[in-house]
């Protein structure tokens, strides 16, 4: 398993019309877990989107951002990436804020082959559980 992290500072009052962005290159093909940590004071006004090229990956709903305040938003994922080295674009906005905010993004990955073996073993286990 590999862990990728980046700290991303979003300047005060960054509008949706002029967002800031950074990139993060992932060298494995399978994302298994995502975490986005928002510091105190964001007041759900600081938002993050993650894209591959022009395709928005998270959040899935059009035109929205992931918002938070003094919390880590995390979820299990099974996102296969199209290339062995995939560059993701992280976009940030903070309309109406008075201060810069630094968000921490963590992405956990597995090589596709390992995930395939884990999936196969789980299926075998489930099969024998049903029989016995």
Protein backbone atom coordinates (compact mmCIF):
# COMPACT_ATOMS: atom_id res chain seq x y z
CA UNK A 1 0.00 0.00 0.00
CA UNK A 2 1.20 3.50 -0.78
CA UNK A 3 0.10 6.70 0.89
CA UNK A 4 0.12 10.04 -0.92
CA UNK A 5 -0.37 13.29 0.96
CA UNK A 6 -0.39 16.94 0.09
CA UNK A 7 -1.03 20.14 1.99
CA UNK A 8 -2.99 22.57 -0.12
CA UNK A 9 -3.31 26.23 0.92
CA UNK A 10 -6.37 28.03 -0.36
CA UNK A 11 -6.05 31.83 -0.14
CA UNK A 12 -8.75 33.87 1.56
CA UNK A 13 -11.80 34.70 -0.55
CA UNK A 14 -10.90 32.45 -3.50
CA UNK A 15 -13.97 32.50 -5.74
CA UNK A 16 -15.44 29.63 -7.73
CA UNK A 17 -14.80 31.71 -10.87
CA UNK A 18 -11.07 31.82 -10.12
CA UNK A 19 -10.18 28.69 -8.07
CA UNK A 20 -6.65 27.67 -7.09
CA UNK A 21 -5.27 24.29 -8.02
CA UNK A 22 -2.41 21.93 -7.44
CA UNK A 23 -1.59 18.48 -8.74
CA UNK A 24 -0.64 15.15 -7.23
CA UNK A 25 0.79 12.22 -9.20
CA UNK A 26 -0.39 8.77 -8.13
CA UNK A 27 1.86 5.88 -9.21
CA UNK A 28 -0.50 2.98 -8.47
CA UNK A 29 -3.65 2.15 -10.39
CA UNK A 30 -6.14 1.69 -7.55
CA UNK A 31 -7.28 4.22 -4.94
CA UNK A 32 -8.66 2.44 -1.86
CA UNK A 33 -9.25 5.26 0.63
CA UNK A 34 -9.60 9.04 0.58
CA UNK A 35 -9.23 11.56 3.39
CA UNK A 36 -9.61 15.32 3.34
CA UNK A 37 -8.80 17.17 6.59
CA UNK A 38 -10.19 20.66 7.06
CA UNK A 39 -8.69 22.84 9.83
CA UNK A 40 -10.80 24.70 12.39
CA UNK A 41 -12.23 27.95 11.08
CA UNK A 42 -13.17 26.82 7.57
CA UNK A 43 -16.86 27.09 8.60
CA UNK A 44 -17.86 24.89 5.63
CA UNK A 45 -16.79 27.72 3.31
CA UNK A 46 -13.58 26.08 2.02
CA UNK A 47 -14.22 23.53 -0.71
CA UNK A 48 -12.22 20.89 -2.58
CA UNK A 49 -12.77 19.07 -5.89
CA UNK A 50 -10.51 16.38 -7.32
CA UNK A 51 -10.30 15.81 -11.07
CA UNK A 52 -8.53 13.65 -13.59
CA UNK A 53 -8.12 15.81 -16.70
CA UNK A 54 -11.48 17.47 -17.25
CA UNK A 55 -13.39 14.67 -15.47
CA UNK A 56 -14.39 15.49 -11.91
CA UNK A 57 -13.94 12.41 -9.68
CA UNK A 58 -14.97 13.78 -6.25
CA UNK A 59 -17.52 14.93 -5.39
CA UNK A 60 -19.60 13.26 -8.05
CA UNK A 61 -22.39 15.83 -8.22
CA UNK A 62 -21.89 18.56 -10.80
CA UNK A 63 -20.72 21.97 -9.60
CA UNK A 64 -20.27 20.96 -5.96
CA UNK A 65 -17.27 20.84 -3.64
CA UNK A 66 -16.41 18.84 -0.54
CA UNK A 67 -16.68 21.25 2.41
CA UNK A 68 -15.69 20.88 6.04
CA UNK A 69 -14.69 22.54 9.29
CA UNK A 70 -12.36 21.06 11.93
CA UNK A 71 -12.96 17.55 10.62
CA UNK A 72 -11.53 14.80 8.46
CA UNK A 73 -13.87 13.50 5.80
CA UNK A 74 -12.88 9.98 4.78
CA UNK A 75 -14.35 7.18 2.74
CA UNK A 76 -13.43 3.78 1.39
CA UNK A 77 -12.91 3.88 -2.35
CA UNK A 78 -12.40 1.55 -5.29
CA UNK A 79 -11.34 4.00 -7.99
CA UNK A 80 -9.25 2.49 -10.77
CA UNK A 81 -7.03 5.02 -12.47
CA UNK A 82 -6.45 4.95 -16.23
CA UNK A 83 -2.65 5.05 -16.12
CA UNK A 84 0.14 3.75 -13.91
CA UNK A 85 1.19 7.35 -13.23
CA UNK A 86 -1.96 9.45 -13.06
CA UNK A 87 -1.89 13.15 -12.35
CA UNK A 88 -4.87 14.30 -10.30
CA UNK A 89 -5.82 17.96 -10.09
CA UNK A 90 -7.00 19.31 -6.74
CA UNK A 91 -9.12 22.45 -6.96
CA UNK A 92 -9.87 24.71 -4.02
CA UNK A 93 -12.29 27.57 -3.35
CA UNK A 94 -13.05 29.68 -0.28
CA UNK A 95 -15.55 32.41 -1.23
CA UNK A 96 -16.32 34.84 1.57
CA UNK A 97 -13.46 33.77 3.85
CA UNK A 98 -11.10 36.22 5.56
CA UNK A 99 -8.07 33.94 6.06
CA UNK A 100 -6.00 31.42 4.12
CA UNK A 101 -6.75 27.77 4.98
CA UNK A 102 -4.52 24.73 4.49
CA UNK A 103 -6.32 21.48 3.75
CA UNK A 104 -4.58 18.10 4.04
CA UNK A 105 -5.40 15.46 1.43
CA UNK A 106 -4.46 11.78 1.90
CA UNK A 107 -4.87 9.14 -0.80
CA UNK A 108 -4.22 5.47 -0.09
CA UNK A 109 -3.56 3.10 -2.98
CA UNK A 110 -2.84 -0.50 -3.90
CA UNK A 111 -1.39 -2.00 -7.04
CA UNK A 112 -4.26 -3.47 -9.09
CA UNK A 113 -2.81 -7.00 -8.85
CA UNK A 114 -2.97 -7.01 -5.03
CA UNK A 115 -6.56 -5.77 -5.03
CA UNK A 116 -7.50 -8.48 -7.54
CA UNK A 117 -6.06 -11.18 -5.26
CA UNK A 118 -7.91 -9.72 -2.25
CA UNK A 119 -11.18 -9.69 -4.20
CA UNK A 120 -10.67 -13.30 -5.33
CA UNK A 121 -9.90 -14.47 -1.79
CA UNK A 122 -13.02 -12.70 -0.48
CA UNK A 123 -15.17 -14.44 -3.12
CA UNK A 124 -13.70 -17.83 -2.21
CA UNK A 125 -14.32 -17.16 1.48
CA UNK A 126 -17.92 -16.10 0.80
CA UNK A 127 -18.49 -19.21 -1.33
CA UNK A 128 -17.31 -21.60 1.40
CA UNK A 129 -19.26 -19.70 4.03
CA UNK A 130 -22.47 -20.25 2.09
CA UNK A 131 -21.75 -23.96 1.69
CA UNK A 132 -20.86 -24.63 5.32
